[in-house]
Amino acid sequence: MKLSGTEILIKVFANHNVDTIFGYPGACVISILDKLFNHDEIKQILVRHEQGAVHAACGYAQLSNKPGVVIVTSGPGATNTITGVADAFYSEVPLVVITGQVSSGLIGTDAFQEVDMLSITAPITKWNYQIRNADEMASTVERAFVIAMADPPGVVLLDITKDAQTGMAEYISNNTQLYKNKGFVKSVLGECQFPRNEFYTEILKCLSENGREMVLVIDKVPNDFFDGDNFCFNKVIKSDIYGVSGFGLPAAIGAQYAAPGKTICLVAGTLEFQATAKELGMIKQQGLDIKIILLDETAADKYKIKNPDFLSLANAYDIESCKISKSNDLNVAIQKMLNSNHSYLLQITT
């Protein structure tokens, strides 16, 4: 029996145990999203910007032991992923990024929202490919998952035309899953090594003394909040080599989906946090539990940037919040945050 290219794509997702997809809708992927809408075993997580989708998939991949999956539409939707793709590529994080594309007959005609994603992403992907026919959907997507997890892991981008999604083809499973049980993610536990900054050290100690399994996500430039080879946390996630401002919030959200039983704690600077603060919408819509420590440091004053009222911002997304100075009892405030049963923003001024 023949299936549409979209149905074949979803069959391959099932073969590779895909349970969560981060993305944003658009005309050139609407057939995929429609088929996924009522799929009981795959969650579609609606981000507020395509960059957030890739960072969220990156956080997910680092805890789930399988590639993060992103689906976005063509044109600006596709190009909005570039920062996240570059970050994941340099950090060797396995992702399968799917971008929609105009119908194959329109390629090269400057059609509405047509963009050459293969040329744009060639230097920052392990492999990229444009699928123009439903007949090549199964083998190409299978190959994408294997390449993404092959050593070293990294990003694969598939640009799929509208007619490849709606066209019909025979489906033959070729599920290899060469990466199964490979163990991409290493849970890191050991003796504590804290940075020299005494204020940062105190925050980390307060977090680590809680005694629970915790994933620490860091979004701070310069990225000097955390240092050392061994951590007092189950996992530390940060934009290491590329140093993306705004990586933290969506990455923390992705981590929550990969490890719902662990406490996910984001530590971010105010400038970095604002870069992707729109993704607080995911927390509100999905009812997520993310603990956020917002470092409001006076060093940012040199940029003469006027910050918003972060407590009001948190309140707008139904997130409990509190503001203290570093002279207050940090441990009491941090333990209150950690013991909350829902998302919480703790702003610490220095």
C-alpha atoms as a PDB file:
ATOM      1  CA  MET A   1       0.000   0.000   0.000  1.00  0.00           C
ATOM      2  CA  LYS A   2       1.234   3.453  -0.862  1.00  0.00           C
ATOM      3  CA  LEU A   3       1.563   6.222   1.731  1.00  0.00           C
ATOM      4  CA  SER A   4       2.084   9.942   1.403  1.00  0.00           C
ATOM      5  CA  GLY A   5       5.542  11.337   2.015  1.00  0.00           C
ATOM      6  CA  THR A   6       4.279  12.849   5.250  1.00  0.00           C
ATOM      7  CA  GLU A   7       2.924   9.505   6.463  1.00  0.00           C
ATOM      8  CA  ILE A   8       6.253   7.864   5.643  1.00  0.00           C
ATOM      9  CA  LEU A   9       8.093  10.573   7.564  1.00  0.00           C
ATOM     10  CA  ILE A  10       5.985   9.881  10.640  1.00  0.00           C
ATOM     11  CA  LYS A  11       6.581   6.130  10.262  1.00  0.00           C
ATOM     12  CA  VAL A  12      10.325   6.784  10.405  1.00  0.00           C
ATOM     13  CA  PHE A  13       9.826   9.000  13.463  1.00  0.00           C
ATOM     14  CA  ALA A  14       8.106   6.065  15.157  1.00  0.00           C
ATOM     15  CA  ASN A  15      10.978   3.736  14.201  1.00  0.00           C
ATOM     16  CA  HIS A  16      13.384   6.055  15.986  1.00  0.00           C
ATOM     17  CA  ASN A  17      11.234   6.521  19.079  1.00  0.00           C
ATOM     18  CA  VAL A  18      10.612  10.209  18.460  1.00  0.00           C
ATOM     19  CA  ASP A  19       8.242  11.390  21.187  1.00  0.00           C
ATOM     20  CA  THR A  20       8.751  15.164  21.154  1.00  0.00           C
ATOM     21  CA  ILE A  21       9.079  17.646  18.282  1.00  0.00           C
ATOM     22  CA  PHE A  22       9.801  21.347  18.687  1.00  0.00           C
ATOM     23  CA  GLY A  23       8.662  23.691  15.972  1.00  0.00           C
ATOM     24  CA  TYR A  24       6.576  26.441  14.496  1.00  0.00           C
ATOM     25  CA  PRO A  25       3.880  26.073  11.806  1.00  0.00           C
ATOM     26  CA  GLY A  26       3.806  27.397   8.274  1.00  0.00           C
ATOM     27  CA  ALA A  27       2.387  26.596   4.849  1.00  0.00           C
ATOM     28  CA  CYS A  28       5.316  24.454   3.693  1.00  0.00           C
ATOM     29  CA  VAL A  29       5.066  22.030   6.636  1.00  0.00           C
ATOM     30  CA  ILE A  30       1.334  22.167   7.296  1.00  0.00           C
ATOM     31  CA  SER A  31       0.747  18.674   5.890  1.00  0.00           C
ATOM     32  CA  ILE A  32       3.255  17.258   8.388  1.00  0.00           C
ATOM     33  CA  LEU A  33       1.818  19.154  11.341  1.00  0.00           C
ATOM     34  CA  ASP A  34      -1.739  18.166  10.395  1.00  0.00           C
ATOM     35  CA  LYS A  35      -0.806  14.474  10.439  1.00  0.00           C
ATOM     36  CA  LEU A  36       0.996  14.882  13.755  1.00  0.00           C
ATOM     37  CA  PHE A  37      -1.839  16.803  15.407  1.00  0.00           C
ATOM     38  CA  ASN A  38      -3.727  13.742  16.595  1.00  0.00           C
ATOM     39  CA  HIS A  39      -0.689  11.489  16.975  1.00  0.00           C
ATOM     40  CA  ASP A  40      -0.880  10.128  20.521  1.00  0.00           C
ATOM     41  CA  GLU A  41       2.781   9.195  20.857  1.00  0.00           C
ATOM     42  CA  ILE A  42       4.447  12.337  19.498  1.00  0.00           C
ATOM     43  CA  LYS A  43       4.081  15.687  21.247  1.00  0.00           C
ATOM     44  CA  GLN A  44       4.284  18.859  19.174  1.00  0.00           C
ATOM     45  CA  ILE A  45       5.729  21.700  21.240  1.00  0.00           C
ATOM     46  CA  LEU A  46       4.869  25.118  19.847  1.00  0.00           C
ATOM     47  CA  VAL A  47       7.715  27.592  20.346  1.00  0.00           C
ATOM     48  CA  ARG A  48       7.439  31.363  19.918  1.00  0.00           C
ATOM     49  CA  HIS A  49      10.420  31.623  17.554  1.00  0.00           C
ATOM     50  CA  GLU A  50      12.256  29.060  15.439  1.00  0.00           C
ATOM     51  CA  GLN A  51      15.596  29.735  17.157  1.00  0.00           C
ATOM     52  CA  GLY A  52      13.944  28.631  20.395  1.00  0.00           C
ATOM     53  CA  ALA A  53      12.890  25.379  18.750  1.00  0.00           C
ATOM     54  CA  VAL A  54      16.493  24.424  17.983  1.00  0.00           C
ATOM     55  CA  HIS A  55      17.789  25.396  21.427  1.00  0.00           C
ATOM     56  CA  ALA A  56      14.954  23.417  23.032  1.00  0.00           C
ATOM     57  CA  ALA A  57      15.780  20.393  20.868  1.00  0.00           C
ATOM     58  CA  CYS A  58      19.414  20.804  21.893  1.00  0.00           C
ATOM     59  CA  GLY A  59      18.523  20.697  25.600  1.00  0.00           C
ATOM     60  CA  TYR A  60      16.300  17.698  24.935  1.00  0.00           C
ATOM     61  CA  ALA A  61      18.995  15.804  23.029  1.00  0.00           C
ATOM     62  CA  GLN A  62      21.588  16.230  25.758  1.00  0.00           C
ATOM     63  CA  LEU A  63      19.399  14.350  28.226  1.00  0.00           C
ATOM     64  CA  SER A  64      17.339  11.950  26.112  1.00  0.00           C
ATOM     65  CA  ASN A  65      20.101   9.870  24.516  1.00  0.00           C
ATOM     66  CA  LYS A  66      18.597  10.451  21.063  1.00  0.00           C
ATOM     67  CA  PRO A  67      18.463  13.276  18.519  1.00  0.00           C
ATOM     68  CA  GLY A  68      16.304  16.321  19.098  1.00  0.00           C
ATOM     69  CA  VAL A  69      13.828  16.942  16.275  1.00  0.00           C
ATOM     70  CA  VAL A  70      12.783  20.324  14.868  1.00  0.00           C
ATOM     71  CA  ILE A  71      10.161  21.111  12.215  1.00  0.00           C
ATOM     72  CA  VAL A  72       9.803  24.623  10.789  1.00  0.00           C
ATOM     73  CA  THR A  73       8.483  26.134   7.591  1.00  0.00           C
ATOM     74  CA  SER A  74      10.380  27.596   4.643  1.00  0.00           C
ATOM     75  CA  GLY A  75      11.935  31.028   4.133  1.00  0.00           C
ATOM     76  CA  PRO A  76      12.232  33.106   7.327  1.00  0.00           C
ATOM     77  CA  GLY A  77      11.087  30.146   9.409  1.00  0.00           C
ATOM     78  CA  ALA A  78      14.006  28.104   8.115  1.00  0.00           C
ATOM     79  CA  THR A  79      16.601  30.873   8.356  1.00  0.00           C
ATOM     80  CA  ASN A  80      15.541  31.661  11.927  1.00  0.00           C
ATOM     81  CA  THR A  81      17.044  28.306  12.942  1.00  0.00           C
ATOM     82  CA  ILE A  82      20.582  29.178  11.842  1.00  0.00           C
ATOM     83  CA  THR A  83      21.952  30.391  15.194  1.00  0.00           C
ATOM     84  CA  GLY A  84      20.683  27.273  16.960  1.00  0.00           C
ATOM     85  CA  VAL A  85      21.965  24.984  14.210  1.00  0.00           C
ATOM     86  CA  ALA A  86      25.441  26.527  14.387  1.00  0.00           C
ATOM     87  CA  ASP A  87      25.487  26.235  18.180  1.00  0.00           C
ATOM     88  CA  ALA A  88      24.479  22.554  18.115  1.00  0.00           C
ATOM     89  CA  PHE A  89      26.969  21.810  15.327  1.00  0.00           C
ATOM     90  CA  TYR A  90      29.939  23.245  17.220  1.00  0.00           C
ATOM     91  CA  SER A  91      28.793  21.569  20.438  1.00  0.00           C
ATOM     92  CA  GLU A  92      28.370  18.200  18.653  1.00  0.00           C
ATOM     93  CA  VAL A  93      24.745  17.799  19.729  1.00  0.00           C
ATOM     94  CA  PRO A  94      22.634  15.429  17.583  1.00  0.00           C
ATOM     95  CA  LEU A  95      19.663  17.130  15.922  1.00  0.00           C
ATOM     96  CA  VAL A  96      17.435  16.359  12.947  1.00  0.00           C
ATOM     97  CA  VAL A  97      16.170  19.700  11.664  1.00  0.00           C
ATOM     98  CA  ILE A  98      13.408  19.568   9.067  1.00  0.00           C
ATOM     99  CA  THR A  99      12.620  22.666   7.044  1.00  0.00           C
ATOM    100  CA  GLY A 100       9.742  22.942   4.631  1.00  0.00           C
ATOM    101  CA  GLN A 101      10.391  24.024   1.057  1.00  0.00           C
ATOM    102  CA  VAL A 102       8.290  25.198  -1.877  1.00  0.00           C
ATOM    103  CA  SER A 103       7.208  22.607  -4.439  1.00  0.00           C
ATOM    104  CA  SER A 104      10.076  21.211  -6.468  1.00  0.00           C
ATOM    105  CA  GLY A 105       8.818  22.797  -9.692  1.00  0.00           C
ATOM    106  CA  LEU A 106       9.185  26.251  -8.127  1.00  0.00           C
ATOM    107  CA  ILE A 107      12.760  25.846  -6.863  1.00  0.00           C
ATOM    108  CA  GLY A 108      15.047  28.379  -8.467  1.00  0.00           C
ATOM    109  CA  THR A 109      12.226  30.744  -9.453  1.00  0.00           C
ATOM    110  CA  ASP A 110      12.450  33.070  -6.429  1.00  0.00           C
ATOM    111  CA  ALA A 111       9.071  31.802  -5.289  1.00  0.00           C
ATOM    112  CA  PHE A 112       7.475  33.197  -2.136  1.00  0.00           C
ATOM    113  CA  GLN A 113       9.566  32.190   0.895  1.00  0.00           C
ATOM    114  CA  GLU A 114      11.949  30.076  -1.146  1.00  0.00           C
ATOM    115  CA  VAL A 115      15.475  30.002   0.266  1.00  0.00           C
ATOM    116  CA  ASP A 116      18.505  27.823  -0.467  1.00  0.00           C
ATOM    117  CA  MET A 117      18.922  26.142   2.905  1.00  0.00           C
ATOM    118  CA  LEU A 118      21.457  23.631   1.610  1.00  0.00           C
ATOM    119  CA  SER A 119      23.957  26.342   0.692  1.00  0.00           C
ATOM    120  CA  ILE A 120      23.296  28.315   3.878  1.00  0.00           C
ATOM    121  CA  THR A 121      23.767  25.364   6.241  1.00  0.00           C
ATOM    122  CA  ALA A 122      26.486  23.403   4.443  1.00  0.00           C
ATOM    123  CA  PRO A 123      29.292  24.680   6.754  1.00  0.00           C
ATOM    124  CA  ILE A 124      27.315  24.084   9.979  1.00  0.00           C
ATOM    125  CA  THR A 125      25.769  20.638   9.464  1.00  0.00           C
ATOM    126  CA  LYS A 126      27.178  17.125   9.346  1.00  0.00           C
ATOM    127  CA  TRP A 127      24.961  16.487   6.353  1.00  0.00           C
ATOM    128  CA  ASN A 128      22.119  18.233   4.598  1.00  0.00           C
ATOM    129  CA  TYR A 129      19.839  17.104   1.816  1.00  0.00           C
ATOM    130  CA  GLN A 130      16.784  18.261  -0.095  1.00  0.00           C
ATOM    131  CA  ILE A 131      14.004  15.689  -0.498  1.00  0.00           C
ATOM    132  CA  ARG A 132      12.017  16.365  -3.684  1.00  0.00           C
ATOM    133  CA  ASN A 133      10.205  13.067  -4.090  1.00  0.00           C
ATOM    134  CA  ALA A 134       8.193  10.881  -1.723  1.00  0.00           C
ATOM    135  CA  ASP A 135      10.089   7.809  -2.998  1.00  0.00           C
ATOM    136  CA  GLU A 136      13.253   8.932  -1.227  1.00  0.00           C
ATOM    137  CA  MET A 137      11.599   9.976   2.039  1.00  0.00           C
ATOM    138  CA  ALA A 138      12.090   6.763   4.023  1.00  0.00           C
ATOM    139  CA  SER A 139      15.723   6.047   3.158  1.00  0.00           C
ATOM    140  CA  THR A 140      16.784   9.682   3.500  1.00  0.00           C
ATOM    141  CA  VAL A 141      15.169  10.279   6.879  1.00  0.00           C
ATOM    142  CA  GLU A 142      16.511   6.963   8.197  1.00  0.00           C
ATOM    143  CA  ARG A 143      19.973   8.025   7.086  1.00  0.00           C
ATOM    144  CA  ALA A 144      19.554  11.412   8.766  1.00  0.00           C
ATOM    145  CA  PHE A 145      18.968   9.864  12.183  1.00  0.00           C
ATOM    146  CA  VAL A 146      21.960   7.545  11.847  1.00  0.00           C
ATOM    147  CA  ILE A 147      24.290  10.346  10.732  1.00  0.00           C
ATOM    148  CA  ALA A 148      23.108  12.668  13.500  1.00  0.00           C
ATOM    149  CA  MET A 149      24.151  10.120  16.140  1.00  0.00           C
ATOM    150  CA  ALA A 150      27.282   8.764  14.442  1.00  0.00           C
ATOM    151  CA  ASP A 151      30.501   9.710  16.205  1.00  0.00           C
ATOM    152  CA  PRO A 152      30.884  12.614  16.571  1.00  0.00           C
ATOM    153  CA  PRO A 153      27.186  13.445  16.829  1.00  0.00           C
ATOM    154  CA  GLY A 154      25.868  16.592  15.193  1.00  0.00           C
ATOM    155  CA  VAL A 155      23.212  18.337  13.164  1.00  0.00           C
ATOM    156  CA  VAL A 156      21.530  16.995  10.038  1.00  0.00           C
ATOM    157  CA  LEU A 157      19.159  19.238   8.080  1.00  0.00           C
ATOM    158  CA  LEU A 158      16.526  17.935   5.668  1.00  0.00           C
ATOM    159  CA  ASP A 159      14.817  20.408   3.358  1.00  0.00           C
ATOM    160  CA  ILE A 160      11.554  18.773   2.219  1.00  0.00           C
ATOM    161  CA  THR A 161       9.498  20.141  -0.658  1.00  0.00           C
ATOM    162  CA  LYS A 162       5.711  20.371  -0.420  1.00  0.00           C
ATOM    163  CA  ASP A 163       5.192  17.863  -3.230  1.00  0.00           C
ATOM    164  CA  ALA A 164       7.513  15.341  -1.541  1.00  0.00           C
ATOM    165  CA  GLN A 165       5.249  15.579   1.514  1.00  0.00           C
ATOM    166  CA  THR A 166       2.002  15.066  -0.393  1.00  0.00           C
ATOM    167  CA  GLY A 167       3.244  12.645  -3.073  1.00  0.00           C
ATOM    168  CA  MET A 168       2.628   8.904  -2.731  1.00  0.00           C
ATOM    169  CA  ALA A 169       5.207   6.113  -2.473  1.00  0.00           C
ATOM    170  CA  GLU A 170       5.606   2.539  -1.291  1.00  0.00           C
ATOM    171  CA  TYR A 171       6.937   2.398   2.252  1.00  0.00           C
ATOM    172  CA  ILE A 172       9.587  -0.157   3.109  1.00  0.00           C
ATOM    173  CA  SER A 173      11.052   0.054   6.598  1.00  0.00           C
ATOM    174  CA  ASN A 174      14.835   0.133   6.776  1.00  0.00           C
ATOM    175  CA  ASN A 175      15.163   0.823  10.460  1.00  0.00           C
ATOM    176  CA  THR A 176      18.803   0.410  11.441  1.00  0.00           C
ATOM    177  CA  GLN A 177      19.030   2.480  14.631  1.00  0.00           C
ATOM    178  CA  LEU A 178      22.782   2.018  14.708  1.00  0.00           C
ATOM    179  CA  TYR A 179      22.998   4.424  17.626  1.00  0.00           C
ATOM    180  CA  LYS A 180      20.617   2.492  19.868  1.00  0.00           C
ATOM    181  CA  ASN A 181      22.102   2.052  23.342  1.00  0.00           C
ATOM    182  CA  LYS A 182      25.188   3.986  22.257  1.00  0.00           C
ATOM    183  CA  GLY A 183      24.991   6.196  25.313  1.00  0.00           C
ATOM    184  CA  PHE A 184      25.495   9.663  23.848  1.00  0.00           C
ATOM    185  CA  VAL A 185      24.775  11.467  27.115  1.00  0.00           C
ATOM    186  CA  LYS A 186      27.063  10.958  30.061  1.00  0.00           C
ATOM    187  CA  SER A 187      25.590  11.751  33.444  1.00  0.00           C
ATOM    188  CA  VAL A 188      28.370  13.505  35.304  1.00  0.00           C
ATOM    189  CA  LEU A 189      28.698  13.186  39.044  1.00  0.00           C
ATOM    190  CA  GLY A 190      31.811  13.647  41.190  1.00  0.00           C
ATOM    191  CA  GLU A 191      33.503  15.923  43.601  1.00  0.00           C
ATOM    192  CA  CYS A 192      32.613  19.518  43.522  1.00  0.00           C
ATOM    193  CA  GLN A 193      34.711  22.099  41.742  1.00  0.00           C
ATOM    194  CA  PHE A 194      33.336  25.620  41.973  1.00  0.00           C
ATOM    195  CA  PRO A 195      34.423  28.806  40.184  1.00  0.00           C
ATOM    196  CA  ARG A 196      36.489  31.376  42.022  1.00  0.00           C
ATOM    197  CA  ASN A 197      33.730  34.010  42.137  1.00  0.00           C
ATOM    198  CA  GLU A 198      32.446  33.693  45.710  1.00  0.00           C
ATOM    199  CA  PHE A 199      28.932  34.835  44.832  1.00  0.00           C
ATOM    200  CA  TYR A 200      28.602  32.198  42.107  1.00  0.00           C
ATOM    201  CA  THR A 201      30.074  29.606  44.444  1.00  0.00           C
ATOM    202  CA  GLU A 202      27.444  30.355  47.080  1.00  0.00           C
ATOM    203  CA  ILE A 203      24.608  29.993  44.558  1.00  0.00           C
ATOM    204  CA  LEU A 204      25.962  26.652  43.321  1.00  0.00           C
ATOM    205  CA  LYS A 205      26.382  25.336  46.837  1.00  0.00           C
ATOM    206  CA  CYS A 206      22.814  26.291  47.717  1.00  0.00           C
ATOM    207  CA  LEU A 207      21.595  24.452  44.619  1.00  0.00           C
ATOM    208  CA  SER A 208      23.702  21.340  45.108  1.00  0.00           C
ATOM    209  CA  GLU A 209      22.915  20.953  48.809  1.00  0.00           C
ATOM    210  CA  ASN A 210      19.241  20.316  48.079  1.00  0.00           C
ATOM    211  CA  GLY A 211      19.983  16.644  47.507  1.00  0.00           C
ATOM    212  CA  ARG A 212      17.794  16.154  44.454  1.00  0.00           C
ATOM    213  CA  GLU A 213      18.651  15.138  40.894  1.00  0.00           C
ATOM    214  CA  MET A 214      19.202  18.427  39.129  1.00  0.00           C
ATOM    215  CA  VAL A 215      20.005  19.609  35.621  1.00  0.00           C
ATOM    216  CA  LEU A 216      21.745  22.981  35.586  1.00  0.00           C
ATOM    217  CA  VAL A 217      21.305  25.101  32.458  1.00  0.00           C
ATOM    218  CA  ILE A 218      23.551  28.158  32.136  1.00  0.00           C
ATOM    219  CA  ASP A 219      22.984  31.234  29.994  1.00  0.00           C
ATOM    220  CA  LYS A 220      25.547  33.864  30.828  1.00  0.00           C
ATOM    221  CA  VAL A 221      28.112  35.738  28.753  1.00  0.00           C
ATOM    222  CA  PRO A 222      30.981  35.621  29.471  1.00  0.00           C
ATOM    223  CA  ASN A 223      30.192  32.001  30.211  1.00  0.00           C
ATOM    224  CA  ASP A 224      32.163  31.912  33.443  1.00  0.00           C
ATOM    225  CA  PHE A 225      29.445  30.949  35.892  1.00  0.00           C
ATOM    226  CA  PHE A 226      30.461  27.319  35.978  1.00  0.00           C
ATOM    227  CA  ASP A 227      33.857  25.687  35.605  1.00  0.00           C
ATOM    228  CA  GLY A 228      35.433  22.335  36.319  1.00  0.00           C
ATOM    229  CA  ASP A 229      35.353  18.786  34.954  1.00  0.00           C
ATOM    230  CA  ASN A 230      33.246  17.262  37.701  1.00  0.00           C
ATOM    231  CA  PHE A 231      29.918  18.655  38.790  1.00  0.00           C
ATOM    232  CA  CYS A 232      27.599  18.362  41.774  1.00  0.00           C
ATOM    233  CA  PHE A 233      24.705  18.119  39.327  1.00  0.00           C
ATOM    234  CA  ASN A 234      23.370  15.318  37.189  1.00  0.00           C
ATOM    235  CA  LYS A 235      24.041  17.361  34.052  1.00  0.00           C
ATOM    236  CA  VAL A 236      25.217  20.844  33.096  1.00  0.00           C
ATOM    237  CA  ILE A 237      23.997  22.299  29.796  1.00  0.00           C
ATOM    238  CA  LYS A 238      25.333  25.494  28.257  1.00  0.00           C
ATOM    239  CA  SER A 239      26.236  27.041  24.927  1.00  0.00           C
ATOM    240  CA  ASP A 240      29.923  26.372  25.333  1.00  0.00           C
ATOM    241  CA  ILE A 241      31.826  27.021  22.126  1.00  0.00           C
ATOM    242  CA  TYR A 242      29.359  29.286  20.343  1.00  0.00           C
ATOM    243  CA  GLY A 243      28.229  31.199  23.452  1.00  0.00           C
ATOM    244  CA  VAL A 244      24.696  32.057  22.314  1.00  0.00           C
ATOM    245  CA  SER A 245      22.838  34.663  24.353  1.00  0.00           C
ATOM    246  CA  GLY A 246      19.336  33.337  24.917  1.00  0.00           C
ATOM    247  CA  PHE A 247      20.270  29.671  24.689  1.00  0.00           C
ATOM    248  CA  GLY A 248      19.258  28.919  28.263  1.00  0.00           C
ATOM    249  CA  LEU A 249      15.493  29.298  28.545  1.00  0.00           C
ATOM    250  CA  PRO A 250      14.495  27.170  25.525  1.00  0.00           C
ATOM    251  CA  ALA A 251      17.259  24.648  26.321  1.00  0.00           C
ATOM    252  CA  ALA A 252      15.898  24.308  29.859  1.00  0.00           C
ATOM    253  CA  ILE A 253      12.415  23.719  28.443  1.00  0.00           C
ATOM    254  CA  GLY A 254      13.760  21.015  26.127  1.00  0.00           C
ATOM    255  CA  ALA A 255      15.573  19.438  29.063  1.00  0.00           C
ATOM    256  CA  GLN A 256      12.296  19.310  30.993  1.00  0.00           C
ATOM    257  CA  TYR A 257      10.720  17.198  28.239  1.00  0.00           C
ATOM    258  CA  ALA A 258      13.683  14.828  28.174  1.00  0.00           C
ATOM    259  CA  ALA A 259      13.902  14.437  31.949  1.00  0.00           C
ATOM    260  CA  PRO A 260      10.532  15.243  33.544  1.00  0.00           C
ATOM    261  CA  GLY A 261      11.576  13.617  36.808  1.00  0.00           C
ATOM    262  CA  LYS A 262      14.555  15.897  37.364  1.00  0.00           C
ATOM    263  CA  THR A 263      14.673  19.457  38.655  1.00  0.00           C
ATOM    264  CA  ILE A 264      15.612  21.790  35.796  1.00  0.00           C
ATOM    265  CA  CYS A 265      17.300  24.976  36.984  1.00  0.00           C
ATOM    266  CA  LEU A 266      18.286  27.821  34.650  1.00  0.00           C
ATOM    267  CA  VAL A 267      20.849  30.409  35.726  1.00  0.00           C
ATOM    268  CA  ALA A 268      20.847  33.377  33.357  1.00  0.00           C
ATOM    269  CA  GLY A 269      22.030  36.954  33.124  1.00  0.00           C
ATOM    270  CA  THR A 270      19.364  39.584  32.495  1.00  0.00           C
ATOM    271  CA  LEU A 271      20.639  40.425  29.011  1.00  0.00           C
ATOM    272  CA  GLU A 272      20.839  36.780  27.947  1.00  0.00           C
ATOM    273  CA  PHE A 273      17.431  35.970  29.422  1.00  0.00           C
ATOM    274  CA  GLN A 274      15.727  38.736  27.462  1.00  0.00           C
ATOM    275  CA  ALA A 275      17.063  37.391  24.145  1.00  0.00           C
ATOM    276  CA  THR A 276      14.551  34.514  24.239  1.00  0.00           C
ATOM    277  CA  ALA A 277      12.198  35.556  27.058  1.00  0.00           C
ATOM    278  CA  LYS A 278       9.290  35.052  24.635  1.00  0.00           C
ATOM    279  CA  GLU A 279       9.694  31.308  25.235  1.00  0.00           C
ATOM    280  CA  LEU A 280       8.118  31.811  28.661  1.00  0.00           C
ATOM    281  CA  GLY A 281       5.002  31.237  26.579  1.00  0.00           C
ATOM    282  CA  MET A 282       5.946  27.560  26.342  1.00  0.00           C
ATOM    283  CA  ILE A 283       6.089  27.356  30.128  1.00  0.00           C
ATOM    284  CA  LYS A 284       2.629  28.908  30.452  1.00  0.00           C
ATOM    285  CA  GLN A 285       1.007  26.885  27.677  1.00  0.00           C
ATOM    286  CA  GLN A 286       2.512  23.531  28.661  1.00  0.00           C
ATOM    287  CA  GLY A 287       2.411  24.026  32.441  1.00  0.00           C
ATOM    288  CA  LEU A 288       6.123  23.299  32.822  1.00  0.00           C
ATOM    289  CA  ASP A 289       8.203  23.389  35.996  1.00  0.00           C
ATOM    290  CA  ILE A 290      11.394  25.367  35.345  1.00  0.00           C
ATOM    291  CA  LYS A 291      13.352  27.049  38.132  1.00  0.00           C
ATOM    292  CA  ILE A 292      14.956  30.301  36.947  1.00  0.00           C
ATOM    293  CA  ILE A 293      17.694  32.213  38.748  1.00  0.00           C
ATOM    294  CA  LEU A 294      18.090  35.599  37.122  1.00  0.00           C
ATOM    295  CA  LEU A 295      21.411  37.323  37.890  1.00  0.00           C
ATOM    296  CA  ASP A 296      20.795  41.074  37.793  1.00  0.00           C
ATOM    297  CA  GLU A 297      24.374  42.272  37.923  1.00  0.00           C
ATOM    298  CA  THR A 298      25.429  45.909  38.050  1.00  0.00           C
ATOM    299  CA  ALA A 299      28.095  45.225  35.402  1.00  0.00           C
ATOM    300  CA  ALA A 300      25.302  45.332  32.829  1.00  0.00           C
ATOM    301  CA  ASP A 301      24.793  49.030  33.625  1.00  0.00           C
ATOM    302  CA  LYS A 302      27.695  49.939  31.351  1.00  0.00           C
ATOM    303  CA  TYR A 303      25.506  49.030  28.376  1.00  0.00           C
ATOM    304  CA  LYS A 304      22.849  51.525  29.564  1.00  0.00           C
ATOM    305  CA  ILE A 305      20.124  48.975  28.913  1.00  0.00           C
ATOM    306  CA  LYS A 306      16.848  49.531  30.723  1.00  0.00           C
ATOM    307  CA  ASN A 307      15.553  46.243  32.036  1.00  0.00           C
ATOM    308  CA  PRO A 308      11.847  45.477  32.377  1.00  0.00           C
ATOM    309  CA  ASP A 309      10.187  44.646  35.661  1.00  0.00           C
ATOM    310  CA  PHE A 310      11.024  40.951  35.610  1.00  0.00           C
ATOM    311  CA  LEU A 311       8.547  40.112  38.374  1.00  0.00           C
ATOM    312  CA  SER A 312       5.717  41.643  36.349  1.00  0.00           C
ATOM    313  CA  LEU A 313       6.956  39.760  33.291  1.00  0.00           C
ATOM    314  CA  ALA A 314       6.903  36.495  35.215  1.00  0.00           C
ATOM    315  CA  ASN A 315       3.443  37.292  36.564  1.00  0.00           C
ATOM    316  CA  ALA A 316       2.168  37.851  33.020  1.00  0.00           C
ATOM    317  CA  TYR A 317       3.049  34.208  32.311  1.00  0.00           C
ATOM    318  CA  ASP A 318       1.595  32.949  35.632  1.00  0.00           C
ATOM    319  CA  ILE A 319       5.052  32.248  37.027  1.00  0.00           C
ATOM    320  CA  GLU A 320       5.705  32.826  40.722  1.00  0.00           C
ATOM    321  CA  SER A 321       8.632  35.174  41.344  1.00  0.00           C
ATOM    322  CA  CYS A 322      10.717  36.859  44.014  1.00  0.00           C
ATOM    323  CA  LYS A 323      13.444  39.493  44.063  1.00  0.00           C
ATOM    324  CA  ILE A 324      16.306  39.579  46.567  1.00  0.00           C
ATOM    325  CA  SER A 325      19.761  41.102  46.825  1.00  0.00           C
ATOM    326  CA  LYS A 326      22.878  39.024  47.267  1.00  0.00           C
ATOM    327  CA  SER A 327      23.120  40.303  50.837  1.00  0.00           C
ATOM    328  CA  ASN A 328      19.906  38.425  51.684  1.00  0.00           C
ATOM    329  CA  ASP A 329      19.877  34.816  52.766  1.00  0.00           C
ATOM    330  CA  LEU A 330      20.452  33.128  49.414  1.00  0.00           C
ATOM    331  CA  ASN A 331      19.926  29.644  50.752  1.00  0.00           C
ATOM    332  CA  VAL A 332      16.453  30.381  52.106  1.00  0.00           C
ATOM    333  CA  ALA A 333      15.357  31.982  48.824  1.00  0.00           C
ATOM    334  CA  ILE A 334      16.845  29.224  46.674  1.00  0.00           C
ATOM    335  CA  GLN A 335      15.332  26.428  48.763  1.00  0.00           C
ATOM    336  CA  LYS A 336      11.920  28.126  48.549  1.00  0.00           C
ATOM    337  CA  MET A 337      12.317  28.226  44.758  1.00  0.00           C
ATOM    338  CA  LEU A 338      13.401  24.584  44.553  1.00  0.00           C
ATOM    339  CA  ASN A 339      10.581  23.411  46.809  1.00  0.00           C
ATOM    340  CA  SER A 340       7.945  25.129  44.707  1.00  0.00           C
ATOM    341  CA  ASN A 341       5.713  22.750  42.753  1.00  0.00           C
ATOM    342  CA  HIS A 342       5.715  24.907  39.636  1.00  0.00           C
ATOM    343  CA  SER A 343       7.889  27.295  37.654  1.00  0.00           C
ATOM    344  CA  TYR A 344       9.583  29.997  39.678  1.00  0.00           C
ATOM    345  CA  LEU A 345      11.746  33.031  38.861  1.00  0.00           C
ATOM    346  CA  LEU A 346      14.223  34.239  41.466  1.00  0.00           C
ATOM    347  CA  GLN A 347      15.854  37.577  40.616  1.00  0.00           C
ATOM    348  CA  ILE A 348      19.095  38.242  42.495  1.00  0.00           C
ATOM    349  CA  THR A 349      20.560  41.738  42.323  1.00  0.00           C
ATOM    350  CA  THR A 350      24.216  42.427  43.048  1.00  0.00           C
END
